[in-house]
């Protein structure tokens, strides 16, 4: 098994959809993941103290899509029951 250069990995264009019985669903999931996280992951060598903040900012940029999705999900989890309660209890 060839490991390649571990210290400087080369990232490809992304995962290839496997052959399944539901290709449309697989294409939709891969499209969503490519939309949410289009960037390559930051390379974590041995960050020194001055470069740690730069590495963390790169990591936040890398995870920004998932953070936005999580924030929207939490907003819906809080707002949907609240609006439903207002419609049920406060009908005019």
C-alpha atoms as a PDB file:
ATOM      1  CA  UNK A   1       0.000   0.000   0.000  1.00  0.00           C
ATOM      2  CA  UNK A   2       1.449   3.322  -1.104  1.00  0.00           C
ATOM      3  CA  UNK A   3       1.107   6.120   1.460  1.00  0.00           C
ATOM      4  CA  UNK A   4       2.618   8.921  -0.609  1.00  0.00           C
ATOM      5  CA  UNK A   5       4.158  12.003   0.940  1.00  0.00           C
ATOM      6  CA  UNK A   6       2.654  12.243   4.421  1.00  0.00           C
ATOM      7  CA  UNK A   7       4.153  15.626   5.315  1.00  0.00           C
ATOM      8  CA  UNK A   8       2.762  17.310   2.162  1.00  0.00           C
ATOM      9  CA  UNK A   9      -0.434  15.444   1.182  1.00  0.00           C
ATOM     10  CA  UNK A  10      -2.038  16.060  -2.196  1.00  0.00           C
ATOM     11  CA  UNK A  11      -5.808  16.416  -2.172  1.00  0.00           C
ATOM     12  CA  UNK A  12      -7.837  15.380  -5.174  1.00  0.00           C
ATOM     13  CA  UNK A  13     -10.961  17.017  -6.592  1.00  0.00           C
ATOM     14  CA  UNK A  14     -13.161  15.340  -3.991  1.00  0.00           C
ATOM     15  CA  UNK A  15     -14.880  12.055  -3.280  1.00  0.00           C
ATOM     16  CA  UNK A  16     -16.322  10.109  -6.170  1.00  0.00           C
ATOM     17  CA  UNK A  17     -19.886   8.889  -5.832  1.00  0.00           C
ATOM     18  CA  UNK A  18     -19.940   5.103  -5.347  1.00  0.00           C
ATOM     19  CA  UNK A  19     -22.143   2.833  -7.429  1.00  0.00           C
ATOM     20  CA  UNK A  20     -25.373   2.439  -5.452  1.00  0.00           C
ATOM     21  CA  UNK A  21     -29.034   1.781  -6.054  1.00  0.00           C
ATOM     22  CA  UNK A  22     -29.835   5.419  -5.217  1.00  0.00           C
ATOM     23  CA  UNK A  23     -27.482   7.482  -7.407  1.00  0.00           C
ATOM     24  CA  UNK A  24     -29.657  10.616  -7.254  1.00  0.00           C
ATOM     25  CA  UNK A  25     -29.462  10.711  -3.459  1.00  0.00           C
ATOM     26  CA  UNK A  26     -25.695  10.191  -3.527  1.00  0.00           C
ATOM     27  CA  UNK A  27     -25.296  13.003  -6.079  1.00  0.00           C
ATOM     28  CA  UNK A  28     -27.419  15.325  -3.924  1.00  0.00           C
ATOM     29  CA  UNK A  29     -25.377  14.558  -0.779  1.00  0.00           C
ATOM     30  CA  UNK A  30     -22.060  15.074  -2.559  1.00  0.00           C
ATOM     31  CA  UNK A  31     -23.349  18.304  -4.097  1.00  0.00           C
ATOM     32  CA  UNK A  32     -24.392  19.568  -0.653  1.00  0.00           C
ATOM     33  CA  UNK A  33     -21.039  18.648   0.887  1.00  0.00           C
ATOM     34  CA  UNK A  34     -19.172  20.345  -1.961  1.00  0.00           C
ATOM     35  CA  UNK A  35     -21.337  23.453  -1.463  1.00  0.00           C
ATOM     36  CA  UNK A  36     -20.855  23.537   2.305  1.00  0.00           C
ATOM     37  CA  UNK A  37     -17.140  22.741   2.371  1.00  0.00           C
ATOM     38  CA  UNK A  38     -15.460  23.586  -0.958  1.00  0.00           C
ATOM     39  CA  UNK A  39     -11.962  24.283   0.436  1.00  0.00           C
ATOM     40  CA  UNK A  40      -9.135  21.854   1.136  1.00  0.00           C
ATOM     41  CA  UNK A  41      -8.420  21.251   4.833  1.00  0.00           C
ATOM     42  CA  UNK A  42      -5.607  23.335   6.316  1.00  0.00           C
ATOM     43  CA  UNK A  43      -2.356  21.476   6.761  1.00  0.00           C
ATOM     44  CA  UNK A  44      -1.429  21.106  10.425  1.00  0.00           C
ATOM     45  CA  UNK A  45       2.318  20.848  10.687  1.00  0.00           C
ATOM     46  CA  UNK A  46       3.843  21.870  13.969  1.00  0.00           C
ATOM     47  CA  UNK A  47       2.301  25.287  14.598  1.00  0.00           C
ATOM     48  CA  UNK A  48       4.345  27.625  16.724  1.00  0.00           C
ATOM     49  CA  UNK A  49       2.602  29.916  19.175  1.00  0.00           C
ATOM     50  CA  UNK A  50       2.574  32.886  16.783  1.00  0.00           C
ATOM     51  CA  UNK A  51       1.140  30.762  13.951  1.00  0.00           C
ATOM     52  CA  UNK A  52      -1.505  29.091  16.119  1.00  0.00           C
ATOM     53  CA  UNK A  53      -3.977  31.941  15.654  1.00  0.00           C
ATOM     54  CA  UNK A  54      -3.431  31.802  11.883  1.00  0.00           C
ATOM     55  CA  UNK A  55      -4.049  28.036  11.906  1.00  0.00           C
ATOM     56  CA  UNK A  56      -7.218  28.456  13.972  1.00  0.00           C
ATOM     57  CA  UNK A  57      -8.512  31.159  11.615  1.00  0.00           C
ATOM     58  CA  UNK A  58      -7.849  28.856   8.642  1.00  0.00           C
ATOM     59  CA  UNK A  59      -9.650  26.035  10.465  1.00  0.00           C
ATOM     60  CA  UNK A  60     -12.659  28.289  11.117  1.00  0.00           C
ATOM     61  CA  UNK A  61     -12.770  29.262   7.441  1.00  0.00           C
ATOM     62  CA  UNK A  62     -12.596  25.558   6.534  1.00  0.00           C
ATOM     63  CA  UNK A  63     -15.490  24.690   8.877  1.00  0.00           C
ATOM     64  CA  UNK A  64     -17.529  27.845   8.151  1.00  0.00           C
ATOM     65  CA  UNK A  65     -20.124  26.053   6.016  1.00  0.00           C
ATOM     66  CA  UNK A  66     -20.882  23.506   8.718  1.00  0.00           C
ATOM     67  CA  UNK A  67     -21.024  26.238  11.359  1.00  0.00           C
ATOM     68  CA  UNK A  68     -23.559  28.202   9.300  1.00  0.00           C
ATOM     69  CA  UNK A  69     -25.680  25.073   8.779  1.00  0.00           C
ATOM     70  CA  UNK A  70     -25.583  24.333  12.507  1.00  0.00           C
ATOM     71  CA  UNK A  71     -26.590  27.917  13.352  1.00  0.00           C
ATOM     72  CA  UNK A  72     -29.523  27.802  10.919  1.00  0.00           C
ATOM     73  CA  UNK A  73     -30.574  24.428  12.363  1.00  0.00           C
ATOM     74  CA  UNK A  74     -30.520  25.751  15.918  1.00  0.00           C
ATOM     75  CA  UNK A  75     -32.455  28.820  14.826  1.00  0.00           C
ATOM     76  CA  UNK A  76     -35.167  26.615  13.300  1.00  0.00           C
ATOM     77  CA  UNK A  77     -35.231  24.364  16.373  1.00  0.00           C
ATOM     78  CA  UNK A  78     -35.914  27.421  18.544  1.00  0.00           C
ATOM     79  CA  UNK A  79     -38.145  29.463  16.229  1.00  0.00           C
ATOM     80  CA  UNK A  80     -40.505  26.818  14.813  1.00  0.00           C
ATOM     81  CA  UNK A  81     -41.979  25.735  18.167  1.00  0.00           C
ATOM     82  CA  UNK A  82     -42.118  29.350  19.321  1.00  0.00           C
ATOM     83  CA  UNK A  83     -44.032  30.484  16.237  1.00  0.00           C
ATOM     84  CA  UNK A  84     -46.299  27.431  16.461  1.00  0.00           C
ATOM     85  CA  UNK A  85     -47.064  28.219  20.084  1.00  0.00           C
ATOM     86  CA  UNK A  86     -47.868  31.833  19.183  1.00  0.00           C
ATOM     87  CA  UNK A  87     -50.217  30.726  16.399  1.00  0.00           C
ATOM     88  CA  UNK A  88     -51.975  28.231  18.694  1.00  0.00           C
ATOM     89  CA  UNK A  89     -52.231  30.354  21.835  1.00  0.00           C
ATOM     90  CA  UNK A  90     -52.505  33.877  20.476  1.00  0.00           C
ATOM     91  CA  UNK A  91     -55.067  33.538  17.682  1.00  0.00           C
ATOM     92  CA  UNK A  92     -56.964  36.695  16.951  1.00  0.00           C
END
